[in-house]
Amino acid sequence: QLVYGHPAQSPLPGWTIRGVATSGVQWSTLSGTSGSFQLPVPPLGLIYTLELTSPLLWGGVNATDALWVLRYFGGMQTLDSLSFEAADVNATQSVNATDALHIAQRYTSQRSTFVRPDWVWSPQSLNLMTSVPAPVVLRVRATGDVNGSLSLPGP
C-alpha cells in the first residue's frame, strides 16, 4: 500500500510505482483508490530500486518545517527516518540550518525547487532475492514536509 507518511497514513491513489534493477529489468504498477498496488510478478533474485511518480502537486511545507529542522540541528528534536529524508532538502545526508533556510525560501517562493526531488519515500528499494515480500507499506512525504502536515484531497 502507498500512503502519505503522517499518522493518518492517508492512501495515495494514482501514483506510478516502478522498480528498476541494476540489470535493467523493470516493472511498473499504479496505486488504486485505497493506495493499494499489486506487483506484477517481477523476476526474483534481484533488488529493485523504487521510483515513484506523483499525480499531486508538491506542498505541505511551511515555516514550521524549517523550525523542526533547526530544532533537530540544535538537538531539541528527533526525526524518524522519513522525516530526516524530507528534511535533507539539499541531499547532503545531513540535516542542518542550510536545509532550514532552503525550506523557508521555498515556502516564501524565493526558491522553486530543492536539490532533492519533490517526493521522498521509504523503503527506497524492494529485495526480491528469494520471494515476493508480504504486504509492503510505502510511506511518502513531500520533500521539506518534515512534520507530515500536507493536507491531501479527499476521495
N, C-alpha and C. Protein backbone atom coordinates (compact mmCIF):
# COMPACT_ATOMS: atom_id res chain seq x y z
N GLN A 1 0.84 -1.18 0.00
CA GLN A 1 0.00 0.00 0.00
C GLN A 1 0.89 1.24 0.00
N LEU A 2 0.44 2.27 -0.68
CA LEU A 2 1.15 3.54 -0.78
C LEU A 2 0.39 4.56 0.07
N VAL A 3 1.06 5.13 1.08
CA VAL A 3 0.40 6.06 1.99
C VAL A 3 1.28 7.29 2.21
N TYR A 4 0.63 8.40 2.63
CA TYR A 4 1.40 9.57 2.99
C TYR A 4 1.99 9.33 4.38
N GLY A 5 3.22 9.71 4.58
CA GLY A 5 3.94 9.44 5.82
C GLY A 5 3.60 10.38 6.95
N HIS A 6 2.33 10.37 7.36
CA HIS A 6 1.91 11.09 8.56
C HIS A 6 1.04 10.12 9.37
N PRO A 7 0.69 10.46 10.62
CA PRO A 7 -0.02 9.49 11.46
C PRO A 7 -1.29 8.90 10.84
N ALA A 8 -2.04 9.69 10.06
CA ALA A 8 -3.27 9.17 9.45
C ALA A 8 -2.98 8.17 8.34
N GLN A 9 -1.76 8.14 7.83
CA GLN A 9 -1.38 7.27 6.72
C GLN A 9 -2.42 7.30 5.60
N SER A 10 -2.73 8.49 5.12
CA SER A 10 -3.71 8.66 4.05
C SER A 10 -3.26 7.94 2.79
N PRO A 11 -4.17 7.20 2.14
CA PRO A 11 -3.80 6.48 0.92
C PRO A 11 -3.47 7.45 -0.22
N LEU A 12 -2.58 7.02 -1.09
CA LEU A 12 -2.17 7.83 -2.23
C LEU A 12 -2.55 7.11 -3.53
N PRO A 13 -3.72 7.40 -4.08
CA PRO A 13 -4.13 6.76 -5.33
C PRO A 13 -3.51 7.45 -6.55
N GLY A 14 -3.39 6.68 -7.63
CA GLY A 14 -2.97 7.24 -8.91
C GLY A 14 -1.48 7.47 -9.07
N TRP A 15 -0.67 6.93 -8.19
CA TRP A 15 0.78 7.07 -8.29
C TRP A 15 1.34 5.91 -9.12
N THR A 16 2.34 6.19 -9.90
CA THR A 16 3.05 5.13 -10.63
C THR A 16 4.22 4.67 -9.76
N ILE A 17 4.31 3.36 -9.56
CA ILE A 17 5.40 2.76 -8.79
C ILE A 17 6.19 1.90 -9.76
N ARG A 18 7.46 2.19 -9.87
CA ARG A 18 8.30 1.46 -10.81
C ARG A 18 9.49 0.88 -10.08
N GLY A 19 9.82 -0.34 -10.39
CA GLY A 19 11.00 -0.99 -9.84
C GLY A 19 12.03 -1.17 -10.93
N VAL A 20 13.27 -0.82 -10.63
CA VAL A 20 14.36 -0.92 -11.61
C VAL A 20 15.53 -1.64 -10.95
N ALA A 21 15.96 -2.74 -11.57
CA ALA A 21 17.12 -3.48 -11.07
C ALA A 21 18.37 -3.01 -11.82
N THR A 22 19.54 -3.22 -11.22
CA THR A 22 20.78 -2.81 -11.87
C THR A 22 20.98 -3.53 -13.20
N SER A 23 20.37 -4.70 -13.34
CA SER A 23 20.49 -5.47 -14.59
C SER A 23 19.64 -4.87 -15.71
N GLY A 24 18.83 -3.87 -15.38
CA GLY A 24 17.97 -3.26 -16.38
C GLY A 24 16.55 -3.79 -16.37
N VAL A 25 16.30 -4.86 -15.60
CA VAL A 25 14.96 -5.41 -15.50
C VAL A 25 14.06 -4.39 -14.80
N GLN A 26 12.86 -4.19 -15.32
CA GLN A 26 11.95 -3.20 -14.76
C GLN A 26 10.53 -3.75 -14.67
N TRP A 27 9.76 -3.16 -13.79
CA TRP A 27 8.33 -3.40 -13.73
C TRP A 27 7.66 -2.10 -13.30
N SER A 28 6.35 -2.01 -13.53
CA SER A 28 5.62 -0.79 -13.20
C SER A 28 4.19 -1.16 -12.81
N THR A 29 3.63 -0.40 -11.88
CA THR A 29 2.25 -0.61 -11.47
C THR A 29 1.68 0.73 -11.02
N LEU A 30 0.38 0.78 -10.82
CA LEU A 30 -0.31 2.00 -10.43
C LEU A 30 -1.05 1.76 -9.12
N SER A 31 -1.02 2.74 -8.21
CA SER A 31 -1.75 2.58 -6.95
C SER A 31 -3.23 2.87 -7.18
N GLY A 32 -4.08 2.07 -6.55
CA GLY A 32 -5.53 2.21 -6.68
C GLY A 32 -6.10 3.24 -5.71
N THR A 33 -7.41 3.30 -5.63
CA THR A 33 -8.08 4.32 -4.82
C THR A 33 -7.73 4.24 -3.33
N SER A 34 -7.44 3.05 -2.84
CA SER A 34 -7.07 2.90 -1.43
C SER A 34 -5.56 2.96 -1.24
N GLY A 35 -4.84 3.32 -2.30
CA GLY A 35 -3.38 3.34 -2.23
C GLY A 35 -2.76 1.98 -2.44
N SER A 36 -3.60 0.96 -2.61
CA SER A 36 -3.06 -0.39 -2.78
C SER A 36 -2.51 -0.56 -4.19
N PHE A 37 -1.56 -1.47 -4.30
CA PHE A 37 -0.99 -1.80 -5.60
C PHE A 37 -0.54 -3.25 -5.58
N GLN A 38 -0.47 -3.84 -6.74
CA GLN A 38 -0.01 -5.21 -6.88
C GLN A 38 1.28 -5.22 -7.69
N LEU A 39 2.24 -5.99 -7.22
CA LEU A 39 3.45 -6.15 -8.01
C LEU A 39 3.14 -7.09 -9.17
N PRO A 40 3.51 -6.70 -10.38
CA PRO A 40 3.35 -7.63 -11.49
C PRO A 40 4.45 -8.67 -11.35
N VAL A 41 4.31 -9.81 -10.94
CA VAL A 41 5.31 -10.85 -10.72
C VAL A 41 6.66 -10.57 -11.42
N PRO A 42 7.51 -9.78 -10.78
CA PRO A 42 8.80 -9.48 -11.38
C PRO A 42 9.76 -10.65 -11.21
N PRO A 43 10.81 -10.70 -12.02
CA PRO A 43 11.79 -11.78 -11.83
C PRO A 43 12.40 -11.70 -10.43
N LEU A 44 12.48 -12.84 -9.79
CA LEU A 44 13.09 -12.91 -8.46
C LEU A 44 14.60 -12.93 -8.58
N GLY A 45 15.27 -12.78 -7.46
CA GLY A 45 16.72 -12.81 -7.43
C GLY A 45 17.34 -11.45 -7.67
N LEU A 46 16.52 -10.39 -7.59
CA LEU A 46 17.02 -9.04 -7.84
C LEU A 46 16.55 -8.09 -6.75
N ILE A 47 17.27 -7.00 -6.59
CA ILE A 47 16.87 -5.91 -5.72
C ILE A 47 16.44 -4.77 -6.64
N TYR A 48 15.23 -4.27 -6.42
CA TYR A 48 14.67 -3.23 -7.27
C TYR A 48 14.66 -1.89 -6.55
N THR A 49 15.30 -0.89 -7.14
CA THR A 49 15.20 0.48 -6.64
C THR A 49 13.85 1.01 -7.07
N LEU A 50 13.16 1.66 -6.15
CA LEU A 50 11.82 2.15 -6.46
C LEU A 50 11.86 3.59 -6.97
N GLU A 51 11.03 3.85 -7.95
CA GLU A 51 10.83 5.20 -8.47
C GLU A 51 9.33 5.47 -8.43
N LEU A 52 8.94 6.58 -7.86
CA LEU A 52 7.52 6.93 -7.75
C LEU A 52 7.24 8.20 -8.53
N THR A 53 6.10 8.22 -9.20
CA THR A 53 5.65 9.40 -9.93
C THR A 53 4.30 9.80 -9.36
N SER A 54 4.20 11.06 -8.95
CA SER A 54 3.01 11.55 -8.27
C SER A 54 2.07 12.32 -9.19
N PRO A 55 0.76 12.12 -9.02
CA PRO A 55 -0.20 12.98 -9.72
C PRO A 55 -0.48 14.26 -8.93
N LEU A 56 0.07 14.35 -7.70
CA LEU A 56 -0.17 15.50 -6.83
C LEU A 56 0.89 16.57 -7.04
N LEU A 57 0.51 17.80 -6.78
CA LEU A 57 1.48 18.89 -6.75
C LEU A 57 2.19 18.85 -5.40
N TRP A 58 3.46 19.24 -5.41
CA TRP A 58 4.25 19.31 -4.19
C TRP A 58 3.60 20.32 -3.24
N GLY A 59 3.69 20.08 -1.94
CA GLY A 59 3.13 21.02 -0.98
C GLY A 59 3.29 20.54 0.45
N GLY A 60 2.58 21.21 1.36
CA GLY A 60 2.58 20.83 2.76
C GLY A 60 3.72 21.43 3.56
N VAL A 61 4.52 22.28 2.94
CA VAL A 61 5.70 22.82 3.60
C VAL A 61 5.44 24.25 4.05
N ASN A 62 5.85 24.54 5.27
CA ASN A 62 5.70 25.91 5.79
C ASN A 62 6.83 26.19 6.78
N ALA A 63 6.75 27.32 7.45
CA ALA A 63 7.81 27.75 8.36
C ALA A 63 8.00 26.79 9.53
N THR A 64 6.95 26.08 9.90
CA THR A 64 7.07 25.11 10.99
C THR A 64 8.07 24.01 10.64
N ASP A 65 8.09 23.61 9.37
CA ASP A 65 9.06 22.59 8.94
C ASP A 65 10.49 23.09 9.09
N ALA A 66 10.72 24.35 8.72
CA ALA A 66 12.05 24.94 8.89
C ALA A 66 12.42 24.97 10.38
N LEU A 67 11.45 25.29 11.24
CA LEU A 67 11.69 25.30 12.68
C LEU A 67 12.04 23.90 13.18
N TRP A 68 11.33 22.88 12.70
CA TRP A 68 11.64 21.50 13.10
C TRP A 68 13.08 21.15 12.74
N VAL A 69 13.52 21.58 11.55
CA VAL A 69 14.89 21.30 11.13
C VAL A 69 15.88 21.98 12.07
N LEU A 70 15.62 23.23 12.41
CA LEU A 70 16.52 23.95 13.33
C LEU A 70 16.53 23.30 14.71
N ARG A 71 15.37 22.87 15.17
CA ARG A 71 15.30 22.19 16.48
C ARG A 71 16.07 20.86 16.43
N TYR A 72 15.97 20.13 15.33
CA TYR A 72 16.73 18.88 15.18
C TYR A 72 18.23 19.19 15.19
N PHE A 73 18.64 20.18 14.42
CA PHE A 73 20.05 20.56 14.33
C PHE A 73 20.58 20.99 15.70
N GLY A 74 19.75 21.63 16.50
CA GLY A 74 20.14 22.07 17.84
C GLY A 74 20.00 21.00 18.91
N GLY A 75 19.59 19.79 18.52
CA GLY A 75 19.48 18.69 19.48
C GLY A 75 18.22 18.71 20.31
N MET A 76 17.23 19.50 19.92
CA MET A 76 15.99 19.61 20.71
C MET A 76 14.84 18.82 20.09
N GLN A 77 15.07 18.16 18.98
CA GLN A 77 14.00 17.45 18.25
C GLN A 77 14.61 16.18 17.68
N THR A 78 13.83 15.11 17.65
CA THR A 78 14.26 13.89 16.96
C THR A 78 13.45 13.77 15.68
N LEU A 79 13.99 13.08 14.72
CA LEU A 79 13.30 12.84 13.45
C LEU A 79 13.35 11.36 13.13
N ASP A 80 12.23 10.80 12.70
CA ASP A 80 12.28 9.42 12.21
C ASP A 80 12.95 9.44 10.84
N SER A 81 13.19 8.28 10.27
CA SER A 81 13.97 8.20 9.02
C SER A 81 13.30 8.93 7.86
N LEU A 82 11.97 8.85 7.76
CA LEU A 82 11.29 9.53 6.65
C LEU A 82 11.31 11.05 6.86
N SER A 83 11.14 11.51 8.08
CA SER A 83 11.24 12.94 8.38
C SER A 83 12.64 13.46 8.08
N PHE A 84 13.65 12.64 8.39
CA PHE A 84 15.03 13.03 8.10
C PHE A 84 15.23 13.18 6.60
N GLU A 85 14.73 12.23 5.82
CA GLU A 85 14.85 12.32 4.35
C GLU A 85 14.14 13.56 3.83
N ALA A 86 12.95 13.84 4.36
CA ALA A 86 12.21 15.03 3.93
C ALA A 86 12.94 16.31 4.33
N ALA A 87 13.65 16.29 5.45
CA ALA A 87 14.36 17.47 5.94
C ALA A 87 15.66 17.74 5.17
N ASP A 88 16.27 16.69 4.65
CA ASP A 88 17.55 16.83 3.94
C ASP A 88 17.30 17.29 2.50
N VAL A 89 16.82 18.51 2.36
CA VAL A 89 16.36 19.02 1.06
C VAL A 89 17.51 19.25 0.08
N ASN A 90 18.74 19.38 0.58
CA ASN A 90 19.87 19.57 -0.32
C ASN A 90 20.66 18.28 -0.55
N ALA A 91 20.12 17.15 -0.08
CA ALA A 91 20.65 15.81 -0.35
C ALA A 91 22.12 15.64 0.05
N THR A 92 22.48 16.15 1.24
CA THR A 92 23.86 16.03 1.72
C THR A 92 24.03 14.89 2.73
N GLN A 93 22.98 14.17 3.02
CA GLN A 93 22.98 13.11 4.03
C GLN A 93 23.13 13.67 5.45
N SER A 94 22.88 14.97 5.60
CA SER A 94 22.86 15.58 6.93
C SER A 94 21.75 16.63 6.92
N VAL A 95 21.29 16.98 8.11
CA VAL A 95 20.22 17.98 8.24
C VAL A 95 20.75 19.09 9.13
N ASN A 96 20.75 20.31 8.58
CA ASN A 96 21.29 21.43 9.33
C ASN A 96 20.57 22.73 8.96
N ALA A 97 21.11 23.85 9.39
CA ALA A 97 20.47 25.14 9.17
C ALA A 97 20.33 25.50 7.69
N THR A 98 21.20 24.97 6.85
CA THR A 98 21.09 25.22 5.41
C THR A 98 19.78 24.63 4.88
N ASP A 99 19.44 23.44 5.35
CA ASP A 99 18.17 22.83 4.94
C ASP A 99 17.00 23.69 5.41
N ALA A 100 17.07 24.18 6.64
CA ALA A 100 16.00 25.03 7.17
C ALA A 100 15.86 26.30 6.31
N LEU A 101 16.98 26.88 5.94
CA LEU A 101 16.95 28.08 5.11
C LEU A 101 16.30 27.78 3.76
N HIS A 102 16.68 26.67 3.13
CA HIS A 102 16.10 26.30 1.84
C HIS A 102 14.59 26.05 1.95
N ILE A 103 14.17 25.42 3.04
CA ILE A 103 12.73 25.19 3.25
C ILE A 103 12.01 26.53 3.38
N ALA A 104 12.55 27.43 4.18
CA ALA A 104 11.94 28.75 4.36
C ALA A 104 11.90 29.51 3.03
N GLN A 105 12.95 29.40 2.25
CA GLN A 105 12.99 30.09 0.96
C GLN A 105 11.95 29.53 -0.01
N ARG A 106 11.77 28.22 -0.02
CA ARG A 106 10.77 27.66 -0.93
C ARG A 106 9.37 28.01 -0.46
N TYR A 107 9.16 28.00 0.83
CA TYR A 107 7.85 28.36 1.38
C TYR A 107 7.48 29.80 1.01
N THR A 108 8.46 30.68 0.97
CA THR A 108 8.21 32.09 0.66
C THR A 108 8.43 32.40 -0.82
N SER A 109 8.49 31.37 -1.65
CA SER A 109 8.64 31.49 -3.12
C SER A 109 9.93 32.16 -3.55
N GLN A 110 10.95 32.11 -2.72
CA GLN A 110 12.27 32.62 -3.12
C GLN A 110 13.09 31.53 -3.80
N ARG A 111 12.56 30.32 -3.77
CA ARG A 111 13.21 29.15 -4.37
C ARG A 111 12.10 28.30 -4.95
N SER A 112 12.30 27.76 -6.14
CA SER A 112 11.23 26.97 -6.77
C SER A 112 11.44 25.47 -6.66
N THR A 113 12.65 25.04 -6.31
CA THR A 113 12.94 23.61 -6.19
C THR A 113 13.97 23.40 -5.09
N PHE A 114 14.14 22.14 -4.73
CA PHE A 114 15.23 21.72 -3.85
C PHE A 114 16.19 20.89 -4.70
N VAL A 115 17.36 20.59 -4.16
CA VAL A 115 18.28 19.66 -4.84
C VAL A 115 17.62 18.29 -4.91
N ARG A 116 17.02 17.86 -3.80
CA ARG A 116 16.32 16.57 -3.75
C ARG A 116 15.01 16.71 -4.51
N PRO A 117 14.55 15.65 -5.19
CA PRO A 117 13.25 15.71 -5.88
C PRO A 117 12.11 16.04 -4.91
N ASP A 118 10.94 16.35 -5.45
CA ASP A 118 9.80 16.82 -4.64
C ASP A 118 9.23 15.78 -3.68
N TRP A 119 9.52 14.51 -3.88
CA TRP A 119 8.96 13.46 -3.03
C TRP A 119 10.05 12.52 -2.56
N VAL A 120 9.94 12.09 -1.30
CA VAL A 120 10.83 11.07 -0.74
C VAL A 120 9.96 9.93 -0.24
N TRP A 121 10.52 8.72 -0.17
CA TRP A 121 9.73 7.57 0.27
C TRP A 121 10.62 6.54 0.95
N SER A 122 9.94 5.67 1.68
CA SER A 122 10.61 4.59 2.39
C SER A 122 9.68 3.38 2.40
N PRO A 123 10.19 2.20 2.09
CA PRO A 123 11.57 1.91 1.72
C PRO A 123 11.88 2.41 0.30
N GLN A 124 13.17 2.54 0.02
CA GLN A 124 13.59 3.02 -1.28
C GLN A 124 13.84 1.89 -2.27
N SER A 125 13.84 0.66 -1.75
CA SER A 125 14.05 -0.49 -2.64
C SER A 125 13.29 -1.70 -2.10
N LEU A 126 13.09 -2.66 -2.98
CA LEU A 126 12.47 -3.94 -2.60
C LEU A 126 13.46 -5.05 -2.91
N ASN A 127 13.70 -5.89 -1.92
CA ASN A 127 14.61 -7.01 -2.09
C ASN A 127 13.77 -8.23 -2.46
N LEU A 128 13.85 -8.65 -3.70
CA LEU A 128 13.11 -9.82 -4.16
C LEU A 128 14.08 -10.96 -4.47
N MET A 129 15.08 -11.10 -3.60
CA MET A 129 16.11 -12.12 -3.83
C MET A 129 15.54 -13.53 -3.74
N THR A 130 14.58 -13.76 -2.84
CA THR A 130 14.07 -15.12 -2.69
C THR A 130 12.57 -15.23 -2.93
N SER A 131 11.82 -14.18 -2.59
CA SER A 131 10.36 -14.26 -2.78
C SER A 131 9.77 -12.86 -2.78
N VAL A 132 8.55 -12.78 -3.26
CA VAL A 132 7.83 -11.51 -3.19
C VAL A 132 7.49 -11.26 -1.73
N PRO A 133 7.81 -10.08 -1.20
CA PRO A 133 7.58 -9.84 0.23
C PRO A 133 6.09 -9.81 0.57
N ALA A 134 5.82 -10.07 1.85
CA ALA A 134 4.46 -9.93 2.36
C ALA A 134 4.05 -8.48 2.13
N PRO A 135 2.83 -8.12 2.46
CA PRO A 135 2.39 -6.75 2.19
C PRO A 135 3.43 -5.69 2.60
N VAL A 136 3.63 -4.76 1.70
CA VAL A 136 4.61 -3.69 1.90
C VAL A 136 3.85 -2.37 1.99
N VAL A 137 4.23 -1.54 2.94
CA VAL A 137 3.67 -0.20 3.04
C VAL A 137 4.78 0.77 2.63
N LEU A 138 4.53 1.50 1.54
CA LEU A 138 5.45 2.54 1.09
C LEU A 138 4.95 3.85 1.66
N ARG A 139 5.79 4.51 2.47
CA ARG A 139 5.44 5.80 3.05
C ARG A 139 6.10 6.90 2.23
N VAL A 140 5.33 7.92 1.88
CA VAL A 140 5.79 9.01 1.02
C VAL A 140 5.63 10.33 1.76
N ARG A 141 6.56 11.25 1.52
CA ARG A 141 6.45 12.61 2.05
C ARG A 141 6.87 13.58 0.96
N ALA A 142 6.27 14.76 0.98
CA ALA A 142 6.76 15.86 0.16
C ALA A 142 8.09 16.30 0.76
N THR A 143 9.09 16.48 -0.07
CA THR A 143 10.38 16.94 0.41
C THR A 143 10.19 18.30 1.08
N GLY A 144 10.70 18.42 2.30
CA GLY A 144 10.54 19.63 3.08
C GLY A 144 9.40 19.56 4.08
N ASP A 145 8.46 18.62 3.89
CA ASP A 145 7.34 18.47 4.82
C ASP A 145 7.80 17.61 5.99
N VAL A 146 8.65 18.17 6.82
CA VAL A 146 9.30 17.44 7.89
C VAL A 146 8.30 16.89 8.90
N ASN A 147 7.26 17.66 9.20
CA ASN A 147 6.28 17.23 10.20
C ASN A 147 5.08 16.49 9.60
N GLY A 148 5.07 16.27 8.31
CA GLY A 148 4.00 15.47 7.68
C GLY A 148 2.64 16.15 7.68
N SER A 149 2.61 17.46 7.52
CA SER A 149 1.35 18.21 7.65
C SER A 149 0.57 18.38 6.35
N LEU A 150 1.05 17.83 5.25
CA LEU A 150 0.34 18.00 3.98
C LEU A 150 -1.11 17.54 4.10
N SER A 151 -2.04 18.40 3.67
CA SER A 151 -3.46 18.04 3.62
C SER A 151 -3.73 17.46 2.25
N LEU A 152 -4.22 16.26 2.24
CA LEU A 152 -4.50 15.57 0.97
C LEU A 152 -5.96 15.72 0.58
N PRO A 153 -6.23 15.80 -0.72
CA PRO A 153 -7.62 15.88 -1.16
C PRO A 153 -8.38 14.61 -0.78
N GLY A 154 -9.64 14.76 -0.46
CA GLY A 154 -10.47 13.60 -0.11
C GLY A 154 -10.80 12.77 -1.34
N PRO A 155 -11.45 11.62 -1.13
CA PRO A 155 -11.76 10.73 -2.25
C PRO A 155 -12.69 11.34 -3.26
